[in-house]
Protein backbone atom coordinates (compact mmCIF):
# COMPACT_ATOMS: atom_id res chain seq x y z
CA MET A 1 0.00 0.00 0.00
CA LYS A 2 2.86 2.35 0.77
CA ARG A 3 4.33 1.95 -2.69
CA VAL A 4 0.97 2.53 -4.28
CA PHE A 5 0.49 5.66 -2.22
CA LEU A 6 3.86 7.05 -3.29
CA GLY A 7 3.18 6.19 -6.87
CA ILE A 8 -0.09 8.06 -6.82
CA ILE A 9 1.62 11.17 -5.38
CA LEU A 10 4.40 11.05 -7.92
CA ALA A 11 1.96 10.54 -10.74
CA GLY A 12 -0.14 13.39 -9.45
CA THR A 13 2.85 15.67 -9.19
CA VAL A 14 4.02 14.95 -12.71
CA SER A 15 0.49 15.39 -13.99
CA ALA A 16 0.22 18.83 -12.37
CA ALA A 17 3.58 19.94 -13.76
CA PHE A 18 2.60 18.94 -17.26
CA ALA A 19 -0.79 20.53 -16.79
CA GLN A 20 0.73 23.86 -15.88
CA LYS A 21 3.36 23.62 -18.60
CA SER A 22 0.54 23.08 -21.03
CA GLU A 23 -0.87 26.43 -19.91
CA VAL A 24 2.41 28.06 -20.99
CA ASN A 25 2.33 26.17 -24.28
CA GLU A 26 -1.26 27.23 -24.82
CA ALA A 27 -0.29 30.85 -24.16
CA LYS A 28 2.52 30.54 -26.72
CA LYS A 29 0.09 29.10 -29.26
CA LYS A 30 -2.41 31.89 -28.71
CA TRP A 31 0.34 34.48 -29.00
CA GLY A 32 1.19 33.04 -32.40
CA ILE A 33 -2.47 33.24 -33.40
CA PHE A 34 -2.67 36.82 -32.17
CA GLN A 35 0.41 37.82 -34.15
CA LEU A 36 -1.07 36.36 -37.33
CA THR A 37 -4.53 37.85 -36.89
CA SER A 38 -3.29 41.23 -35.70
CA GLN A 39 -1.52 41.73 -39.02
CA GLY A 40 -4.82 41.83 -40.87
CA ALA A 41 -6.80 45.03 -40.81
CA SER A 42 -9.96 42.99 -41.29
CA THR A 43 -9.65 41.29 -37.90
CA PRO A 44 -12.14 42.98 -35.52
CA LEU A 45 -10.67 44.60 -32.45
CA ALA A 46 -12.99 42.55 -30.25
CA LYS A 47 -11.53 39.36 -31.72
CA LYS A 48 -7.98 40.50 -31.05
CA LEU A 49 -8.83 41.42 -27.46
CA GLU A 50 -10.57 38.09 -27.00
CA THR A 51 -7.41 36.21 -28.02
CA ILE A 52 -5.34 38.36 -25.68
CA LYS A 53 -7.73 37.84 -22.78
CA SER A 54 -7.69 34.08 -23.33
CA GLY A 55 -3.89 33.98 -23.52
CA LEU A 56 -3.58 36.10 -20.42
CA ALA A 57 -5.87 33.67 -18.59
CA ASN A 58 -3.46 30.85 -19.47
CA THR A 59 -0.61 32.80 -17.89
CA ASP A 60 -2.77 33.45 -14.82
CA LYS A 61 -2.89 29.70 -14.24
CA ALA A 62 0.77 29.21 -15.08
CA ILE A 63 2.11 31.75 -12.59
CA ALA A 64 -0.27 30.51 -9.91
CA ASP A 65 1.47 27.14 -9.82
CA GLU A 66 4.73 26.57 -7.94
CA LYS A 67 6.12 24.42 -10.74
CA SER A 68 5.47 26.68 -13.70
CA LYS A 69 5.84 30.11 -12.12
CA VAL A 70 9.61 29.58 -12.27
CA MET A 71 9.40 29.32 -16.07
CA PRO A 72 10.51 32.61 -17.69
CA GLU A 73 8.11 31.97 -20.59
CA ALA A 74 5.13 32.18 -18.25
CA TRP A 75 6.08 35.75 -17.43
CA SER A 76 7.30 36.84 -20.86
CA TYR A 77 4.07 35.82 -22.60
CA ARG A 78 2.06 37.36 -19.79
CA ALA A 79 3.93 40.60 -20.41
CA LEU A 80 3.35 40.33 -24.15
CA PHE A 81 -0.40 39.78 -23.83
CA ALA A 82 -0.94 42.48 -21.21
CA SER A 83 1.19 45.08 -23.00
CA SER A 84 -0.60 44.36 -26.29
CA ALA A 85 -3.95 44.79 -24.57
CA ALA A 86 -2.80 48.17 -23.25
CA ILE A 87 -2.03 49.34 -26.80
CA LEU A 88 -5.25 48.04 -28.33
CA ASP A 89 -7.65 49.16 -25.61
CA THR A 90 -8.00 52.82 -26.56
CA VAL A 91 -11.47 53.19 -25.02
CA ASP A 92 -11.06 52.11 -21.41
CA ALA A 93 -8.13 54.08 -20.01
CA ALA A 94 -8.38 52.42 -16.59
CA ASN A 95 -8.25 48.97 -18.17
CA ALA A 96 -5.25 49.98 -20.27
CA ASP A 97 -3.48 51.22 -17.14
CA ALA A 98 -4.24 47.97 -15.36
CA ASN A 99 -2.74 45.97 -18.21
CA ILE A 100 0.36 48.16 -18.23
CA LYS A 101 0.81 47.37 -14.53
CA ILE A 102 0.37 43.64 -15.20
CA ALA A 103 2.95 43.80 -18.00
CA GLN A 104 5.45 45.78 -15.93
CA ASP A 105 5.14 43.37 -13.00
CA ALA A 106 5.51 40.39 -15.34
CA ILE A 107 8.66 41.84 -16.87
CA ALA A 108 10.15 42.50 -13.43
CA GLU A 109 9.36 38.99 -12.16
CA GLY A 110 10.39 37.28 -15.38
CA LYS A 111 13.76 38.98 -15.60
CA LYS A 112 14.59 37.81 -12.09
CA ILE A 113 14.39 34.16 -13.12
CA ASP A 114 15.54 34.41 -16.73
CA ALA A 115 19.18 33.75 -15.88
CA LYS A 116 20.01 32.56 -19.40
CA GLY A 117 18.25 35.48 -21.09
CA SER A 118 16.16 33.11 -23.19
CA GLU A 119 13.18 35.49 -23.08
CA LYS A 120 15.03 38.78 -23.43
CA ASP A 121 13.57 39.50 -26.87
CA ASN A 122 10.02 38.98 -25.63
CA PHE A 123 10.65 41.17 -22.60
CA ALA A 124 12.13 43.86 -24.87
CA LEU A 125 9.07 43.73 -27.13
CA ALA A 126 6.75 44.00 -24.14
CA GLU A 127 8.70 47.03 -22.89
CA THR A 128 8.33 48.65 -26.31
CA ASN A 129 4.60 47.90 -26.22
CA ILE A 130 4.31 49.53 -22.80
CA ALA A 131 6.15 52.64 -23.96
CA ASN A 132 3.95 52.91 -27.04
CA ALA A 133 0.78 52.35 -25.02
CA VAL A 134 1.68 55.17 -22.64
CA ARG A 135 2.63 57.50 -25.50
CA ASN A 136 -0.59 56.71 -27.35
CA ALA A 137 -2.65 57.39 -24.24
CA GLY A 138 -0.95 60.76 -23.87
CA VAL A 139 -1.57 61.72 -27.49
CA MET A 140 -5.22 60.65 -27.33
CA ALA A 141 -5.77 62.62 -24.14
CA TYR A 142 -4.08 65.65 -25.70
CA ASN A 143 -6.24 65.42 -28.82
CA LYS A 144 -9.29 65.38 -26.53
CA LYS A 145 -7.88 68.50 -24.84
CA ASP A 146 -7.53 66.60 -21.59
CA TYR A 147 -4.16 68.22 -21.00
CA LYS A 148 -3.76 67.14 -17.38
CA THR A 149 -4.07 63.47 -18.29
CA ALA A 150 -1.84 64.02 -21.30
CA TYR A 151 0.82 65.58 -19.06
CA THR A 152 0.66 62.63 -16.65
CA LYS A 153 1.04 60.14 -19.50
CA PHE A 154 3.91 61.98 -21.16
CA VAL A 155 5.75 62.20 -17.85
CA GLN A 156 5.12 58.48 -17.35
CA ALA A 157 6.67 57.92 -20.77
CA THR A 158 9.81 59.80 -19.73
CA VAL A 159 10.14 57.54 -16.69
CA ILE A 160 10.02 54.52 -19.00
CA ASN A 161 12.54 56.07 -21.39
CA PRO A 162 14.51 58.91 -19.75
CA GLN A 163 16.25 59.76 -23.04
CA ASP A 164 13.07 60.36 -25.06
CA THR A 165 13.26 64.11 -25.70
CA SER A 166 9.95 64.12 -27.59
CA MET A 167 8.05 63.02 -24.49
CA TYR A 168 9.64 65.74 -22.31
CA LEU A 169 8.69 68.22 -25.01
CA ASN A 170 5.13 66.89 -25.17
CA ALA A 171 4.88 67.03 -21.39
CA GLY A 172 6.01 70.66 -21.45
CA ILE A 173 3.48 71.56 -24.12
CA ALA A 174 0.67 69.83 -22.19
CA ALA A 175 1.68 71.69 -19.02
CA ARG A 176 1.75 74.94 -20.96
CA ASN A 177 -1.84 74.36 -22.04
CA THR A 178 -2.90 74.06 -18.38
CA GLU A 179 -0.80 77.14 -17.52
CA ASP A 180 1.27 75.10 -15.11
CA TRP A 181 4.34 77.25 -15.65
CA PRO A 182 6.73 75.53 -13.19
CA ALA A 183 6.03 72.16 -14.86
CA THR A 184 6.41 73.70 -18.31
CA VAL A 185 9.78 75.17 -17.41
CA GLN A 186 10.91 71.92 -15.81
CA GLN A 187 10.07 69.82 -18.88
CA PHE A 188 11.52 72.27 -21.41
CA LYS A 189 14.73 72.49 -19.42
CA LYS A 190 14.98 68.70 -19.56
CA VAL A 191 14.62 68.80 -23.35
CA ILE A 192 17.45 71.32 -23.50
CA SER A 193 19.64 69.22 -21.20
CA LEU A 194 19.36 66.36 -23.70
CA ASN A 195 20.74 68.62 -26.46
CA SER A 196 17.58 68.74 -28.54
CA PRO A 197 17.79 70.55 -31.90
CA GLN A 198 14.92 72.71 -30.62
CA SER A 199 16.92 73.99 -27.65
CA SER A 200 17.46 77.48 -29.04
CA GLU A 201 13.73 78.04 -29.60
CA LEU A 202 12.93 76.54 -26.20
CA TYR A 203 15.29 78.99 -24.51
CA ASN A 204 13.30 81.82 -26.09
CA GLU A 205 10.08 80.35 -24.74
CA LEU A 206 11.54 79.74 -21.29
CA VAL A 207 12.61 83.35 -21.05
CA ASP A 208 9.19 84.52 -22.22
CA ILE A 209 7.41 82.34 -19.63
CA THR A 210 9.76 83.38 -16.85
CA LEU A 211 9.29 87.06 -17.63
CA ARG A 212 5.62 87.32 -18.61
CA LYS A 213 4.04 84.54 -16.56
CA GLN A 214 6.31 84.18 -13.54
CA LYS A 215 7.49 87.81 -13.43
CA ASP A 216 10.98 86.70 -12.42
CA THR A 217 13.62 88.81 -14.15
CA THR A 218 16.46 87.30 -12.11
CA ALA A 219 15.59 83.77 -13.27
CA ALA A 220 15.14 85.05 -16.83
CA LEU A 221 18.60 86.61 -16.82
CA ALA A 222 20.10 83.33 -15.60
CA ILE A 223 18.40 81.44 -18.44
CA ILE A 224 19.56 84.03 -20.98
CA LYS A 225 23.14 83.81 -19.75
CA GLU A 226 23.08 80.04 -20.16
CA ALA A 227 21.43 80.27 -23.57
CA VAL A 228 23.72 82.93 -25.02
CA ALA A 229 26.76 80.88 -23.99
CA LYS A 230 25.43 78.09 -26.23
CA TYR A 231 23.82 80.23 -28.93
CA PRO A 232 25.72 83.52 -29.20
CA ASP A 233 23.86 84.42 -32.40
CA ASN A 234 20.45 84.37 -30.72
CA ALA A 235 19.80 88.08 -31.12
CA GLU A 236 16.31 87.78 -29.64
CA LEU A 237 17.67 86.69 -26.28
CA ILE A 238 20.32 89.40 -26.23
CA LYS A 239 17.63 91.94 -27.08
CA THR A 240 15.53 90.70 -24.18
CA GLU A 241 18.47 90.85 -21.81
CA THR A 242 19.23 94.45 -22.71
CA GLN A 243 15.56 95.35 -22.31
CA ILE A 244 15.53 93.83 -18.82
CA TYR A 245 18.42 96.09 -17.82
CA ILE A 246 16.73 99.09 -19.42
CA ASP A 247 13.48 98.34 -17.56
CA ARG A 248 15.50 98.10 -14.38
CA GLY A 249 16.83 101.57 -15.10
CA ASP A 250 20.30 100.22 -15.84
CA ALA A 251 20.83 101.27 -19.47
CA ALA A 252 24.55 101.61 -18.73
CA LYS A 253 24.79 97.90 -17.95
CA SER A 254 22.99 97.08 -21.17
CA GLU A 255 25.27 99.32 -23.21
CA GLN A 256 28.38 97.92 -21.54
CA MET A 257 27.34 94.37 -22.33
CA LEU A 258 26.51 95.11 -25.97
CA ASN A 259 29.66 97.12 -26.55
CA ALA A 260 31.70 94.16 -25.36
CA LEU A 261 29.85 91.90 -27.78
CA ALA A 262 30.17 94.40 -30.64
CA THR A 263 33.92 94.67 -30.03
CA LYS A 264 34.21 90.90 -30.09
CA GLU A 265 32.15 90.63 -33.29
CA PRO A 266 32.47 93.94 -35.16
CA THR A 267 30.81 92.54 -38.30
CA ASN A 268 27.64 91.47 -36.49
CA PRO A 269 24.93 94.05 -37.34
CA ASN A 270 22.57 92.75 -34.66
CA TYR A 271 24.69 94.18 -31.86
CA GLN A 272 24.62 97.62 -33.51
CA VAL A 273 20.83 97.43 -33.81
CA LEU A 274 20.54 96.43 -30.16
CA LEU A 275 22.79 99.30 -29.09
CA GLY A 276 20.53 101.67 -31.01
CA ASN A 277 17.51 100.09 -29.36
CA ILE A 278 18.82 101.08 -25.91
CA TYR A 279 18.20 104.73 -26.72
CA PHE A 280 15.25 104.21 -29.04
CA SER A 281 13.29 102.29 -26.39
CA GLN A 282 13.94 105.06 -23.87
CA ALA A 283 12.67 107.57 -26.42
CA LEU A 284 9.49 105.55 -26.89
CA LYS A 285 8.97 105.52 -23.13
CA LEU A 286 9.28 109.29 -23.04
CA GLN A 287 6.83 109.57 -25.93
CA ASN A 288 4.25 107.67 -23.89
CA GLU A 289 4.82 110.04 -21.00
CA ARG A 290 4.59 113.05 -23.31
CA ASN A 291 1.22 111.90 -24.60
CA LYS A 292 -0.15 112.22 -21.07
CA ILE A 293 1.00 115.86 -20.63
CA ASP A 294 -1.71 118.49 -20.57
CA ALA A 295 -1.64 120.51 -23.83
CA LYS A 296 -1.43 123.71 -21.77
CA LYS A 297 1.91 122.68 -20.28
CA VAL A 298 3.92 123.72 -23.32
CA LYS A 299 7.29 124.01 -21.60
CA GLU A 300 7.01 120.56 -20.03
CA PHE A 301 5.96 119.12 -23.40
CA ASN A 302 8.90 120.74 -25.19
CA ASP A 303 11.37 119.59 -22.53
CA VAL A 304 10.30 115.97 -22.93
CA THR A 305 10.43 116.34 -26.73
CA ALA A 306 14.00 117.63 -26.49
CA LYS A 307 14.99 114.64 -24.36
CA MET A 308 13.34 112.32 -26.85
CA ASN A 309 15.25 113.83 -29.75
CA GLY A 310 18.48 113.62 -27.79
CA LEU A 311 17.95 109.88 -27.30
CA LEU A 312 17.04 109.43 -30.96
CA ASP A 313 20.24 111.26 -31.95
CA LYS A 314 22.22 108.78 -29.85
CA SER A 315 20.49 105.83 -31.50
CA LEU A 316 20.98 106.91 -35.13
CA PRO A 317 24.72 106.15 -35.49
CA TYR A 318 24.19 102.55 -34.38
CA TYR A 319 21.42 101.88 -36.91
CA LYS A 320 23.51 103.48 -39.65
CA LYS A 321 26.49 101.37 -38.61
CA ALA A 322 24.29 98.26 -38.81
CA LEU A 323 23.39 99.19 -42.41
CA GLU A 324 27.04 99.66 -43.27
CA ILE A 325 27.61 96.07 -42.19
CA ASP A 326 24.36 94.75 -43.66
CA PRO A 327 22.55 97.15 -46.04
CA LYS A 328 19.45 94.96 -45.95
CA ASN A 329 19.13 94.62 -42.17
CA PRO A 330 15.37 94.82 -41.59
CA GLY A 331 15.63 95.82 -37.92
CA ALA A 332 17.76 98.85 -38.66
CA LEU A 333 15.65 99.86 -41.66
CA GLU A 334 12.35 99.58 -39.80
CA THR A 335 13.53 101.67 -36.87
CA LEU A 336 15.12 104.33 -39.07
CA LYS A 337 11.86 104.58 -40.99
CA THR A 338 10.03 105.19 -37.69
CA ILE A 339 12.56 107.82 -36.55
CA TYR A 340 12.53 109.72 -39.87
CA GLY A 341 8.74 109.57 -39.93
CA PHE A 342 8.57 111.01 -36.41
CA ARG A 343 10.89 113.84 -37.41
CA ASN A 344 9.10 114.53 -40.69
CA ASP A 345 12.38 113.92 -42.52
CA THR A 346 10.70 113.13 -45.84
CA LYS A 347 13.85 112.61 -47.91
CA ASN A 348 15.43 110.04 -45.59
CA TYR A 349 12.04 108.47 -44.85
CA GLU A 350 11.36 107.81 -48.55
CA ASP A 351 14.88 106.46 -49.09
CA ILE A 352 14.57 103.99 -46.22
CA LYS A 353 11.05 103.03 -47.28
CA LYS A 354 12.25 102.13 -50.78
CA ARG A 355 14.99 99.97 -49.32
CA LEU A 356 12.49 98.22 -47.06
CA ASP A 357 10.01 97.67 -49.89
CA ALA A 358 12.79 96.12 -51.98
CA LEU A 359 13.44 93.42 -49.38
CA PRO A 360 12.13 89.93 -50.18
CA LYS A 361 8.66 89.43 -48.72
CA GLN A 362 8.55 86.96 -45.82
């Protein structure tokens, strides 16, 4: 009787092992079916999801058994089915998230026991599926104008792939649409840190956000300093920097900085234009003040006008110098046209206007 008893146990044990291994084999078979059917556009989505659900059920049984849960294939095919479900299920976001979690857990568990790396390709494919599922969810949320969800998904995508600059950029854009300025700045800075080709444009936007939305000129100056070191030809940033100093009442600092740059690059017309702008912008400010003066206060009006003209006189040589370097410089031409129009200098106004009109239309 004892031998019979042992035989029954051994037979039962072997039977269970084979039974659970068959669950893995069944999952493999269904994965093959899914791959074949998923290629055809004619296969209904419901049919694809049904195959996935059935295959996932096989892996449920496989990982529940002590004998088969140590098989890397049980986990790799579980990851494949769950990650594929996350991509395909574009309607139920919660269900997609649940499948992503199942796939991530399966990958983590499977890699622990896959000492020989026999399932590395399947795990890699599942990881790609997860990344694509998260990206897709972010794009779909964005297209629905659900920017908060889109931001969450894009950030999740950056966690999965920390080198994916496009997802940091998307996250920043989504945050911008919710007017979450700290998050926007954070994500755009990350894009820049990864040396994106869009870094120069992003610096411009960061400065704009920091100045207009966060009202932080100190932070803006720090960003400009960093940006100009990388992109010395970014005239827009240099123009903004000089304007910050002018607004702070420190035109001397602005002039000092630009003179240093102009000395370093004497053939760069942009620095000459920006030097002229120091005085021109101050003249415009005085003009706004003059417009508020009571018409009866003639002396006060004339005094402000004299100061304005003095500033315009200081600006003129810089714009003319810019045109000596680049006769078609639009910035210099536009400002000179404004100055000559203000002074009723018809001859010079018409000359500059002709030169402007001759420029290629943008």
